[in-house]
Amino acid sequence: MLTEVMILSFGGQGGVTAARILALAAVSEGMYAQAIPQFGAERRGSLVRSYLRLSDRPIRRHSSIKKADVLAIFAEKILGIVNANEFIRDGGIAILNAKQGIAEKNYCVNAADIALSLNLVAAGWPIVNTAMAGAMAKPLGLSIDSVIEAIKSTFPGELAEVNAKAAEIAYREVRQC
C-alpha cells in the first residue's frame, strides 16, 4: 500500500532531513521509499514542503503530493499561514508539533521542547527534525530502531547520539490529540 506524506516546515527546521531519515528507515525495514524536497532560494524561516512516499511495492510516481495521507506540521505557527486541511486527504492523519490537531485523526508532540532540552538549536530556533521523525515513525508504522539507525547514518558522532535521543523521546511522547 502506498502512503503519501507531506511535511510542512520552516527553512532551517530540518523538514527535508526528516523526510530523508524516514525514507532510510523505511528502506531498512524492506519497504520502498522516496523523499522529495520542494524549495527554491528561500531562506531560514520560509515555508518548505517535503514529500515522502512509503510503499510495499516499487514507487513509480515522482511528482509532488497535493493531498497527503499523512500531513506533518513542524511548527504550530504554520497553521496561521496556510490552511493545512487543503493538504490532507479526507480521513488522513495529521502529526503536529502543536497542542491540538486539525484532522479526523491527529498525533501531537512538543518537538520544540524536546529539541530545546537537548540543545538542538541553531540561530535561536529549535531544530525539530529528528524529534518529529521519531513522532512520525509511530503512526507510520516504522520502528524507532530503524529511525535511530537512519539518524546515526546521517549525523556524525555526538550529534548522532543527541538526535537519536530526540527521536526516541518524541516516539515515546507522541499522543493522539
C-alpha atoms as a PDB file:
ATOM      1  CA  MET A   1       0.000   0.000   0.000  1.00  0.00           C
ATOM      2  CA  LEU A   2       1.285   3.469  -0.909  1.00  0.00           C
ATOM      3  CA  THR A   3       1.359   6.101   1.842  1.00  0.00           C
ATOM      4  CA  GLU A   4       1.956   9.705   0.793  1.00  0.00           C
ATOM      5  CA  VAL A   5       3.319  12.110   3.396  1.00  0.00           C
ATOM      6  CA  MET A   6       3.705  15.890   3.199  1.00  0.00           C
ATOM      7  CA  ILE A   7       5.903  17.766   5.659  1.00  0.00           C
ATOM      8  CA  LEU A   8       5.339  21.490   6.152  1.00  0.00           C
ATOM      9  CA  SER A   9       8.242  23.148   7.945  1.00  0.00           C
ATOM     10  CA  PHE A  10      10.126  26.397   8.053  1.00  0.00           C
ATOM     11  CA  GLY A  11      13.537  26.549   6.399  1.00  0.00           C
ATOM     12  CA  GLY A  12      16.112  25.568   8.996  1.00  0.00           C
ATOM     13  CA  GLN A  13      13.812  23.228  10.962  1.00  0.00           C
ATOM     14  CA  GLY A  14      15.039  20.172   9.096  1.00  0.00           C
ATOM     15  CA  GLY A  15      11.914  19.015   7.255  1.00  0.00           C
ATOM     16  CA  VAL A  16      13.949  17.865   4.259  1.00  0.00           C
ATOM     17  CA  THR A  17      16.313  15.902   6.509  1.00  0.00           C
ATOM     18  CA  ALA A  18      13.399  14.340   8.418  1.00  0.00           C
ATOM     19  CA  ALA A  19      11.890  13.057   5.153  1.00  0.00           C
ATOM     20  CA  ARG A  20      15.257  11.562   4.178  1.00  0.00           C
ATOM     21  CA  ILE A  21      15.680   9.917   7.610  1.00  0.00           C
ATOM     22  CA  LEU A  22      12.212   8.350   7.440  1.00  0.00           C
ATOM     23  CA  ALA A  23      12.864   7.118   3.889  1.00  0.00           C
ATOM     24  CA  LEU A  24      16.116   5.479   5.043  1.00  0.00           C
ATOM     25  CA  ALA A  25      14.302   3.888   7.997  1.00  0.00           C
ATOM     26  CA  ALA A  26      11.579   2.503   5.722  1.00  0.00           C
ATOM     27  CA  VAL A  27      14.106   1.067   3.260  1.00  0.00           C
ATOM     28  CA  SER A  28      15.962  -0.635   6.125  1.00  0.00           C
ATOM     29  CA  GLU A  29      12.641  -2.314   7.015  1.00  0.00           C
ATOM     30  CA  GLY A  30      12.290  -3.684   3.479  1.00  0.00           C
ATOM     31  CA  MET A  31       9.944  -1.033   2.117  1.00  0.00           C
ATOM     32  CA  TYR A  32      10.270   1.178  -0.930  1.00  0.00           C
ATOM     33  CA  ALA A  33      10.579   4.880  -0.175  1.00  0.00           C
ATOM     34  CA  GLN A  34      11.323   8.233  -1.733  1.00  0.00           C
ATOM     35  CA  ALA A  35      11.946  11.629  -0.170  1.00  0.00           C
ATOM     36  CA  ILE A  36      11.416  14.687  -2.357  1.00  0.00           C
ATOM     37  CA  PRO A  37      12.190  18.236  -1.173  1.00  0.00           C
ATOM     38  CA  GLN A  38      10.451  21.237  -2.709  1.00  0.00           C
ATOM     39  CA  PHE A  39      12.072  24.593  -2.119  1.00  0.00           C
ATOM     40  CA  GLY A  40      13.660  27.392  -4.058  1.00  0.00           C
ATOM     41  CA  ALA A  41      16.010  30.110  -2.944  1.00  0.00           C
ATOM     42  CA  GLU A  42      14.131  30.559   0.316  1.00  0.00           C
ATOM     43  CA  ARG A  43      15.991  31.458   3.451  1.00  0.00           C
ATOM     44  CA  ARG A  44      15.743  30.257   7.012  1.00  0.00           C
ATOM     45  CA  GLY A  45      12.190  30.836   8.179  1.00  0.00           C
ATOM     46  CA  SER A  46      10.459  30.426   4.794  1.00  0.00           C
ATOM     47  CA  LEU A  47       7.848  27.697   4.360  1.00  0.00           C
ATOM     48  CA  VAL A  48       9.307  24.483   2.904  1.00  0.00           C
ATOM     49  CA  ARG A  49       7.403  21.419   1.681  1.00  0.00           C
ATOM     50  CA  SER A  50       8.952  17.972   1.712  1.00  0.00           C
ATOM     51  CA  TYR A  51       7.323  14.830   0.404  1.00  0.00           C
ATOM     52  CA  LEU A  52       7.754  11.229   1.457  1.00  0.00           C
ATOM     53  CA  ARG A  53       6.286   8.142  -0.147  1.00  0.00           C
ATOM     54  CA  LEU A  54       6.364   4.726   1.524  1.00  0.00           C
ATOM     55  CA  SER A  55       5.176   1.519  -0.118  1.00  0.00           C
ATOM     56  CA  ASP A  56       5.463  -2.238  -0.128  1.00  0.00           C
ATOM     57  CA  ARG A  57       5.821  -2.052  -3.936  1.00  0.00           C
ATOM     58  CA  PRO A  58       8.120  -0.051  -6.224  1.00  0.00           C
ATOM     59  CA  ILE A  59       7.062   3.594  -6.421  1.00  0.00           C
ATOM     60  CA  ARG A  60       6.582   4.832  -9.961  1.00  0.00           C
ATOM     61  CA  ARG A  61       5.177   8.267  -9.126  1.00  0.00           C
ATOM     62  CA  HIS A  62       7.792  11.021  -8.740  1.00  0.00           C
ATOM     63  CA  SER A  63       5.688  14.174  -8.517  1.00  0.00           C
ATOM     64  CA  SER A  64       4.825  16.455  -5.647  1.00  0.00           C
ATOM     65  CA  ILE A  65       1.923  15.471  -3.398  1.00  0.00           C
ATOM     66  CA  LYS A  66      -1.207  17.632  -3.497  1.00  0.00           C
ATOM     67  CA  LYS A  67      -3.301  15.824  -0.835  1.00  0.00           C
ATOM     68  CA  ALA A  68      -1.404  13.649   1.627  1.00  0.00           C
ATOM     69  CA  ASP A  69      -2.454  10.592   3.587  1.00  0.00           C
ATOM     70  CA  VAL A  70      -0.277  11.951   6.393  1.00  0.00           C
ATOM     71  CA  LEU A  71       0.469  15.641   6.968  1.00  0.00           C
ATOM     72  CA  ALA A  72       3.257  16.650   9.359  1.00  0.00           C
ATOM     73  CA  ILE A  73       3.315  20.213  10.693  1.00  0.00           C
ATOM     74  CA  PHE A  74       6.714  21.116  12.170  1.00  0.00           C
ATOM     75  CA  ALA A  75       5.599  24.406  13.811  1.00  0.00           C
ATOM     76  CA  GLU A  76       2.225  25.498  15.176  1.00  0.00           C
ATOM     77  CA  LYS A  77       2.815  28.907  13.554  1.00  0.00           C
ATOM     78  CA  ILE A  78       2.421  27.245  10.121  1.00  0.00           C
ATOM     79  CA  LEU A  79      -1.274  26.754  10.906  1.00  0.00           C
ATOM     80  CA  GLY A  80      -1.676  30.542  10.849  1.00  0.00           C
ATOM     81  CA  ILE A  81      -0.039  30.822   7.418  1.00  0.00           C
ATOM     82  CA  VAL A  82      -1.686  28.039   5.410  1.00  0.00           C
ATOM     83  CA  ASN A  83      -4.967  26.170   5.517  1.00  0.00           C
ATOM     84  CA  ALA A  84      -3.461  22.809   6.383  1.00  0.00           C
ATOM     85  CA  ASN A  85      -6.715  20.994   5.594  1.00  0.00           C
ATOM     86  CA  GLU A  86      -6.106  21.766   1.909  1.00  0.00           C
ATOM     87  CA  PHE A  87      -3.103  19.416   2.016  1.00  0.00           C
ATOM     88  CA  ILE A  88      -4.633  16.371   3.712  1.00  0.00           C
ATOM     89  CA  ARG A  89      -6.987  13.764   2.273  1.00  0.00           C
ATOM     90  CA  ASP A  90     -10.336  13.034   3.908  1.00  0.00           C
ATOM     91  CA  GLY A  91      -9.638  10.566   6.691  1.00  0.00           C
ATOM     92  CA  GLY A  92      -5.949  11.493   6.699  1.00  0.00           C
ATOM     93  CA  ILE A  93      -3.656  11.712   9.696  1.00  0.00           C
ATOM     94  CA  ALA A  94      -2.008  14.900  10.974  1.00  0.00           C
ATOM     95  CA  ILE A  95       1.171  14.803  13.067  1.00  0.00           C
ATOM     96  CA  LEU A  96       1.855  18.123  14.716  1.00  0.00           C
ATOM     97  CA  ASN A  97       4.424  19.941  16.790  1.00  0.00           C
ATOM     98  CA  ALA A  98       1.413  21.556  18.461  1.00  0.00           C
ATOM     99  CA  LYS A  99      -1.093  21.147  21.273  1.00  0.00           C
ATOM    100  CA  GLN A 100      -4.161  20.332  19.194  1.00  0.00           C
ATOM    101  CA  GLY A 101      -4.960  18.642  15.933  1.00  0.00           C
ATOM    102  CA  ILE A 102      -6.580  19.677  12.667  1.00  0.00           C
ATOM    103  CA  ALA A 103      -7.748  16.402  11.093  1.00  0.00           C
ATOM    104  CA  GLU A 104     -10.006  13.481  11.956  1.00  0.00           C
ATOM    105  CA  LYS A 105      -7.018  11.640  13.424  1.00  0.00           C
ATOM    106  CA  ASN A 106      -4.187  13.625  14.998  1.00  0.00           C
ATOM    107  CA  TYR A 107      -0.923  12.962  16.791  1.00  0.00           C
ATOM    108  CA  CYS A 108       0.727  15.736  18.787  1.00  0.00           C
ATOM    109  CA  VAL A 109       4.158  16.080  20.348  1.00  0.00           C
ATOM    110  CA  ASN A 110       6.058  19.036  21.774  1.00  0.00           C
ATOM    111  CA  ALA A 111       9.051  18.608  19.469  1.00  0.00           C
ATOM    112  CA  ALA A 112      10.259  22.150  20.145  1.00  0.00           C
ATOM    113  CA  ASP A 113      10.609  21.483  23.885  1.00  0.00           C
ATOM    114  CA  ILE A 114      12.387  18.193  23.179  1.00  0.00           C
ATOM    115  CA  ALA A 115      14.851  19.948  20.844  1.00  0.00           C
ATOM    116  CA  LEU A 116      15.425  22.796  23.308  1.00  0.00           C
ATOM    117  CA  SER A 117      16.002  20.380  26.207  1.00  0.00           C
ATOM    118  CA  LEU A 118      18.761  18.694  24.182  1.00  0.00           C
ATOM    119  CA  ASN A 119      20.219  21.994  22.927  1.00  0.00           C
ATOM    120  CA  LEU A 120      19.282  21.202  19.312  1.00  0.00           C
ATOM    121  CA  VAL A 121      19.161  24.876  18.382  1.00  0.00           C
ATOM    122  CA  ALA A 122      20.503  26.971  15.501  1.00  0.00           C
ATOM    123  CA  ALA A 123      20.272  30.765  15.412  1.00  0.00           C
ATOM    124  CA  GLY A 124      17.820  30.596  18.317  1.00  0.00           C
ATOM    125  CA  TRP A 125      15.451  28.181  16.528  1.00  0.00           C
ATOM    126  CA  PRO A 126      14.780  24.679  17.854  1.00  0.00           C
ATOM    127  CA  ILE A 127      15.774  22.114  15.223  1.00  0.00           C
ATOM    128  CA  VAL A 128      12.850  19.691  15.460  1.00  0.00           C
ATOM    129  CA  ASN A 129      13.625  17.356  12.545  1.00  0.00           C
ATOM    130  CA  THR A 130      14.712  14.283  14.475  1.00  0.00           C
ATOM    131  CA  ALA A 131      12.090  14.719  17.195  1.00  0.00           C
ATOM    132  CA  MET A 132       9.412  14.971  14.504  1.00  0.00           C
ATOM    133  CA  ALA A 133      10.882  11.970  12.656  1.00  0.00           C
ATOM    134  CA  GLY A 134      10.545   9.975  15.875  1.00  0.00           C
ATOM    135  CA  ALA A 135       6.974  11.184  16.391  1.00  0.00           C
ATOM    136  CA  MET A 136       6.060  10.423  12.764  1.00  0.00           C
ATOM    137  CA  ALA A 137       7.507   6.906  12.921  1.00  0.00           C
ATOM    138  CA  LYS A 138       4.833   5.627  15.297  1.00  0.00           C
ATOM    139  CA  PRO A 139       1.717   6.381  13.180  1.00  0.00           C
ATOM    140  CA  LEU A 140       3.646   5.446  10.014  1.00  0.00           C
ATOM    141  CA  GLY A 141       4.352   2.013  11.498  1.00  0.00           C
ATOM    142  CA  LEU A 142       8.142   2.376  11.440  1.00  0.00           C
ATOM    143  CA  SER A 143      10.249   1.080  14.307  1.00  0.00           C
ATOM    144  CA  ILE A 144      12.177   3.555  16.403  1.00  0.00           C
ATOM    145  CA  ASP A 145      15.245   1.334  15.968  1.00  0.00           C
ATOM    146  CA  SER A 146      15.149   1.892  12.187  1.00  0.00           C
ATOM    147  CA  VAL A 147      14.777   5.643  12.696  1.00  0.00           C
ATOM    148  CA  ILE A 148      17.717   5.719  15.112  1.00  0.00           C
ATOM    149  CA  GLU A 149      19.817   3.699  12.658  1.00  0.00           C
ATOM    150  CA  ALA A 150      18.942   6.208   9.899  1.00  0.00           C
ATOM    151  CA  ILE A 151      19.826   9.136  12.170  1.00  0.00           C
ATOM    152  CA  LYS A 152      23.186   7.575  13.008  1.00  0.00           C
ATOM    153  CA  SER A 153      23.934   7.141   9.305  1.00  0.00           C
ATOM    154  CA  THR A 154      23.009  10.802   8.688  1.00  0.00           C
ATOM    155  CA  PHE A 155      24.816  12.619  11.513  1.00  0.00           C
ATOM    156  CA  PRO A 156      28.352  12.142  12.875  1.00  0.00           C
ATOM    157  CA  GLY A 157      29.398  11.219  16.427  1.00  0.00           C
ATOM    158  CA  GLU A 158      27.825  13.070  19.338  1.00  0.00           C
ATOM    159  CA  LEU A 159      25.396  14.867  17.017  1.00  0.00           C
ATOM    160  CA  ALA A 160      24.010  11.460  16.024  1.00  0.00           C
ATOM    161  CA  GLU A 161      23.573  10.475  19.670  1.00  0.00           C
ATOM    162  CA  VAL A 162      21.701  13.617  20.719  1.00  0.00           C
ATOM    163  CA  ASN A 163      19.469  13.488  17.621  1.00  0.00           C
ATOM    164  CA  ALA A 164      18.740   9.803  18.243  1.00  0.00           C
ATOM    165  CA  LYS A 165      17.735  10.726  21.792  1.00  0.00           C
ATOM    166  CA  ALA A 166      15.353  13.413  20.451  1.00  0.00           C
ATOM    167  CA  ALA A 167      13.709  10.858  18.158  1.00  0.00           C
ATOM    168  CA  GLU A 168      13.405   8.314  20.951  1.00  0.00           C
ATOM    169  CA  ILE A 169      11.806  10.805  23.356  1.00  0.00           C
ATOM    170  CA  ALA A 170       9.321  12.001  20.722  1.00  0.00           C
ATOM    171  CA  TYR A 171       8.436   8.420  19.738  1.00  0.00           C
ATOM    172  CA  ARG A 172       7.654   7.741  23.395  1.00  0.00           C
ATOM    173  CA  GLU A 173       5.769  11.016  23.988  1.00  0.00           C
ATOM    174  CA  VAL A 174       3.676  11.391  20.804  1.00  0.00           C
ATOM    175  CA  ARG A 175      -0.039  11.074  21.609  1.00  0.00           C
ATOM    176  CA  GLN A 176      -3.346  11.203  19.821  1.00  0.00           C
ATOM    177  CA  CYS A 177      -4.816  14.653  20.351  1.00  0.00           C
END
